């Protein structure tokens, strides 16, 4: 004969246990999504740093030190959140209701109210273990989410600092290039002499000087003319 009270207790306990199992699946699903999002964020952040790292590392100025500290804090928060999410996804044994040959042999002779009653007690015990396991996973998931939130704030701050510093450096480069071009242009168009250029040295020569070679030839020619007259 069916006992509605025991049947209700069993159905209520089984529904609570099924809800806790569904909560377990939801926690793991969220942890997997957060982990995927985190992996994409780490890769994108690393790509940004790859293009701009030469501008602030190794640090020399105060601004560069601030950027390096912000980047370090961001990576620490990202890896901390990754650790929490990974542990939240770690395999965990969850309780299940027994159903095997031993169960059939033991409870088949019993009445239906008795079976409902013992299964309600089993559901209550399984629910206790399931809630304990989900509590650990949810705690890890919450910590990982908090670290992700902190990492996003730190990441945003570091990116703003990097872009600001890069923009400042680029403006300074453009200003220096413009100054060099303007100076070169002024030098080309200027009519004033460059007073820094060294003057050429004065050379000294004898006016109307007869080279020795030419004088020797003249003496030879004169001696030839004398001999011909004789």
Protein backbone atom coordinates (compact mmCIF):
# COMPACT_ATOMS: atom_id res chain seq x y z
CA UNK A 1 0.00 0.00 0.00
CA UNK A 2 1.37 3.41 -0.97
CA UNK A 3 2.12 5.97 1.74
CA UNK A 4 1.74 9.49 0.36
CA UNK A 5 3.79 11.00 3.17
CA UNK A 6 6.84 8.82 2.53
CA UNK A 7 6.46 9.26 -1.22
CA UNK A 8 6.41 13.04 -0.78
CA UNK A 9 9.56 12.95 1.38
CA UNK A 10 11.36 10.84 -1.19
CA UNK A 11 10.32 13.07 -4.11
CA UNK A 12 11.27 16.19 -2.17
CA UNK A 13 14.68 14.78 -1.22
CA UNK A 14 15.33 13.57 -4.75
CA UNK A 15 14.43 17.00 -6.21
CA UNK A 16 16.76 18.75 -3.74
CA UNK A 17 19.57 16.34 -4.62
CA UNK A 18 19.02 16.82 -8.37
CA UNK A 19 19.10 20.60 -7.89
CA UNK A 20 22.43 20.32 -6.11
CA UNK A 21 23.82 18.19 -8.95
CA UNK A 22 22.64 20.83 -11.43
CA UNK A 23 24.33 23.49 -9.31
CA UNK A 24 27.54 21.46 -9.59
CA UNK A 25 27.27 21.49 -13.39
CA UNK A 26 26.55 25.23 -13.43
CA UNK A 27 29.60 25.98 -11.29
CA UNK A 28 31.88 23.99 -13.59
CA UNK A 29 30.32 25.60 -16.66
CA UNK A 30 30.93 29.10 -15.30
CA UNK A 31 34.47 28.22 -14.27
CA UNK A 32 35.19 26.93 -17.80
CA UNK A 33 33.79 30.12 -19.39
CA UNK A 34 35.76 32.37 -17.04
CA UNK A 35 38.91 30.37 -17.73
CA UNK A 36 38.44 30.73 -21.50
CA UNK A 37 37.84 34.47 -21.15
CA UNK A 38 40.89 34.76 -18.93
CA UNK A 39 43.08 32.92 -21.45
CA UNK A 40 42.02 35.29 -24.23
CA UNK A 41 42.70 38.28 -21.98
CA UNK A 42 46.19 37.07 -21.06
CA UNK A 43 47.10 36.51 -24.73
CA UNK A 44 45.76 39.91 -25.83
CA UNK A 45 47.51 41.67 -22.95
CA UNK A 46 50.78 39.94 -23.73
CA UNK A 47 50.53 41.02 -27.39
CA UNK A 48 50.05 44.64 -26.33
CA UNK A 49 53.06 44.45 -24.02
CA UNK A 50 55.15 42.89 -26.78
CA UNK A 51 54.73 45.99 -28.95
CA UNK A 52 55.25 48.56 -26.19
CA UNK A 53 57.64 46.87 -23.75
CA UNK A 54 60.73 48.51 -25.27
CA UNK A 55 59.40 51.94 -24.34
CA UNK A 56 59.23 51.31 -20.58
CA UNK A 57 61.44 48.27 -19.89
CA UNK A 58 63.99 48.28 -18.37
CA UNK A 59 62.59 51.10 -16.24
CA UNK A 60 64.62 54.25 -15.70
CA UNK A 61 62.18 57.05 -14.98
CA UNK A 62 59.47 57.16 -12.31
CA UNK A 63 56.73 56.82 -14.92
CA UNK A 64 58.35 53.66 -16.29
CA UNK A 65 58.59 52.18 -12.79
CA UNK A 66 54.88 52.86 -12.22
CA UNK A 67 54.03 51.09 -15.48
CA UNK A 68 56.18 48.06 -14.59
CA UNK A 69 54.55 47.79 -11.15
CA UNK A 70 51.05 47.98 -12.69
CA UNK A 71 51.96 45.30 -15.24
CA UNK A 72 53.40 43.03 -12.53
CA UNK A 73 50.28 43.40 -10.36
CA UNK A 74 48.10 42.61 -13.38
CA UNK A 75 49.96 39.39 -14.14
CA UNK A 76 49.88 38.30 -10.50
CA UNK A 77 46.10 38.83 -10.39
CA UNK A 78 45.61 37.02 -13.70
CA UNK A 79 47.63 33.97 -12.64
CA UNK A 80 45.94 33.94 -9.23
CA UNK A 81 42.49 33.89 -10.84
CA UNK A 82 43.68 31.21 -13.27
CA UNK A 83 44.77 29.07 -10.30
CA UNK A 84 41.39 29.42 -8.56
CA UNK A 85 39.43 28.63 -11.73
CA UNK A 86 41.62 25.65 -12.55
CA UNK A 87 41.06 24.21 -9.09
CA UNK A 88 37.33 24.84 -9.44
CA UNK A 89 37.39 22.68 -12.59
CA UNK A 90 39.38 19.92 -10.96
CA UNK A 91 37.65 16.52 -11.02
CA UNK A 92 35.60 15.88 -7.89
CA UNK A 93 33.69 12.77 -6.93
CA UNK A 94 30.03 13.59 -6.46
CA UNK A 95 27.54 11.30 -4.67
CA UNK A 96 25.01 9.27 -6.60
CA UNK A 97 22.01 7.24 -5.48
CA UNK A 98 22.81 3.51 -5.36
CA UNK A 99 21.22 1.20 -7.88
CA UNK A 100 22.83 -2.19 -8.35
CA UNK A 101 22.05 -5.84 -7.85
CA UNK A 102 22.78 -5.64 -4.14
CA UNK A 103 20.26 -2.83 -3.77
CA UNK A 104 17.61 -4.82 -5.63
CA UNK A 105 18.22 -7.96 -3.59
CA UNK A 106 18.09 -6.07 -0.30
CA UNK A 107 15.06 -3.82 -0.84
CA UNK A 108 12.85 -5.81 -3.21
CA UNK A 109 11.19 -7.70 -0.36
CA UNK A 110 10.42 -4.47 1.50
CA UNK A 111 7.21 -2.51 1.19
CA UNK A 112 6.93 0.62 -0.94
CA UNK A 113 6.67 3.02 2.07
CA UNK A 114 9.83 1.49 3.50
CA UNK A 115 11.67 1.91 0.23
CA UNK A 116 10.52 5.53 -0.03
CA UNK A 117 11.65 6.17 3.52
CA UNK A 118 15.16 4.69 3.17
CA UNK A 119 15.68 6.40 -0.20
CA UNK A 120 14.65 9.73 1.33
CA UNK A 121 17.34 9.22 3.99
CA UNK A 122 19.86 8.33 1.27
CA UNK A 123 18.94 11.50 -0.66
CA UNK A 124 19.47 13.56 2.48
CA UNK A 125 22.93 12.04 3.01
CA UNK A 126 23.90 12.43 -0.65
CA UNK A 127 22.66 16.03 -0.58
CA UNK A 128 24.97 16.75 2.36
CA UNK A 129 28.05 15.51 0.46
CA UNK A 130 26.99 17.29 -2.72
CA UNK A 131 26.55 20.59 -0.89
CA UNK A 132 29.97 20.19 0.72
CA UNK A 133 31.65 19.60 -2.66
CA UNK A 134 29.76 22.49 -4.29
CA UNK A 135 30.69 24.78 -1.42
CA UNK A 136 34.40 24.23 -2.13
CA UNK A 137 33.94 24.75 -5.86
CA UNK A 138 31.78 27.86 -5.45
CA UNK A 139 34.31 29.36 -3.03
CA UNK A 140 37.09 28.86 -5.59
CA UNK A 141 34.88 30.27 -8.34
CA UNK A 142 34.06 33.39 -6.32
CA UNK A 143 37.73 33.99 -5.49
CA UNK A 144 38.68 33.51 -9.13
CA UNK A 145 35.98 35.96 -10.22
CA UNK A 146 37.16 38.56 -7.71
CA UNK A 147 40.74 38.19 -8.95
CA UNK A 148 39.53 38.55 -12.54
CA UNK A 149 37.70 41.75 -11.65
CA UNK A 150 40.79 43.13 -9.91
CA UNK A 151 42.99 42.04 -12.82
CA UNK A 152 40.72 43.84 -15.30
CA UNK A 153 40.99 47.09 -13.33
CA UNK A 154 44.77 46.70 -13.07
CA UNK A 155 45.01 45.76 -16.75
CA UNK A 156 42.98 48.80 -17.78
CA UNK A 157 45.13 51.09 -15.64
CA UNK A 158 48.38 49.66 -17.02
CA UNK A 159 47.15 49.96 -20.62
CA UNK A 160 46.15 53.60 -20.02
CA UNK A 161 49.58 54.32 -18.52
CA UNK A 162 51.36 52.58 -21.40
CA UNK A 163 49.33 54.44 -24.04
CA UNK A 164 49.83 57.77 -22.27
CA UNK A 165 53.56 57.24 -21.99
CA UNK A 166 53.80 56.07 -25.60
CA UNK A 167 51.80 59.10 -26.78
CA UNK A 168 54.10 61.42 -24.81
CA UNK A 169 57.22 59.79 -26.28
CA UNK A 170 55.83 60.02 -29.80
CA UNK A 171 54.96 63.69 -29.35
CA UNK A 172 58.48 64.40 -28.11
CA UNK A 173 59.96 62.56 -31.11
CA UNK A 174 57.78 64.52 -33.50
CA UNK A 175 58.73 67.80 -31.83
CA UNK A 176 62.45 66.94 -32.06
CA UNK A 177 62.12 65.98 -35.71
CA UNK A 178 60.27 69.21 -36.44
CA UNK A 179 62.96 71.21 -34.64
CA UNK A 180 65.69 69.48 -36.66
CA UNK A 181 63.82 70.11 -39.90
CA UNK A 182 63.18 73.73 -38.99
CA UNK A 183 66.82 74.25 -38.06
CA UNK A 184 67.98 72.65 -41.29
CA UNK A 185 65.56 74.80 -43.25
CA UNK A 186 66.78 77.94 -41.54
CA UNK A 187 70.38 77.02 -42.25
CA UNK A 188 69.61 76.57 -45.93
CA UNK A 189 67.67 79.83 -46.31
CA UNK A 190 69.85 81.98 -44.06
CA UNK A 191 71.97 84.78 -45.72
CA UNK A 192 74.19 85.22 -42.69
CA UNK A 193 77.67 83.63 -42.88
CA UNK A 194 78.60 80.74 -40.69
CA UNK A 195 81.23 82.29 -38.45
CA UNK A 196 82.39 78.94 -37.13
CA UNK A 197 83.94 77.86 -40.43
CA UNK A 198 87.78 78.13 -40.40
CA UNK A 199 89.34 80.60 -42.82
CA UNK A 200 91.87 79.35 -45.40
CA UNK A 201 95.57 79.88 -44.66
CA UNK A 202 97.57 82.55 -46.52
CA UNK A 203 100.20 81.31 -48.98
CA UNK A 204 103.46 83.17 -49.77
CA UNK A 205 105.01 83.15 -53.31
CA UNK A 206 107.75 85.19 -55.12
CA UNK A 207 106.57 87.40 -57.96
CA UNK A 208 108.46 87.09 -61.37
CA UNK A 209 110.50 84.17 -60.05
CA UNK A 210 112.18 82.10 -62.76
CA UNK A 211 112.07 78.41 -62.07
CA UNK A 212 115.47 76.69 -61.95
CA UNK A 213 114.61 74.39 -64.83
CA UNK A 214 113.73 77.23 -67.16
CA UNK A 215 116.92 79.16 -66.15
CA UNK A 216 119.09 76.16 -66.97
CA UNK A 217 117.52 75.81 -70.40
CA UNK A 218 118.11 79.52 -71.10
CA UNK A 219 121.88 79.20 -70.32
CA UNK A 220 122.17 76.22 -72.64
CA UNK A 221 120.46 78.12 -75.43
CA UNK A 222 122.75 81.14 -74.94
CA UNK A 223 125.89 78.96 -75.14
CA UNK A 224 124.66 77.40 -78.38
CA UNK A 225 124.08 80.82 -79.93
CA UNK A 226 127.64 81.95 -79.01
CA UNK A 227 129.22 78.95 -80.68
CA UNK A 228 127.29 79.46 -83.86
CA UNK A 229 128.49 83.07 -84.18
CA UNK A 230 132.07 81.99 -83.99
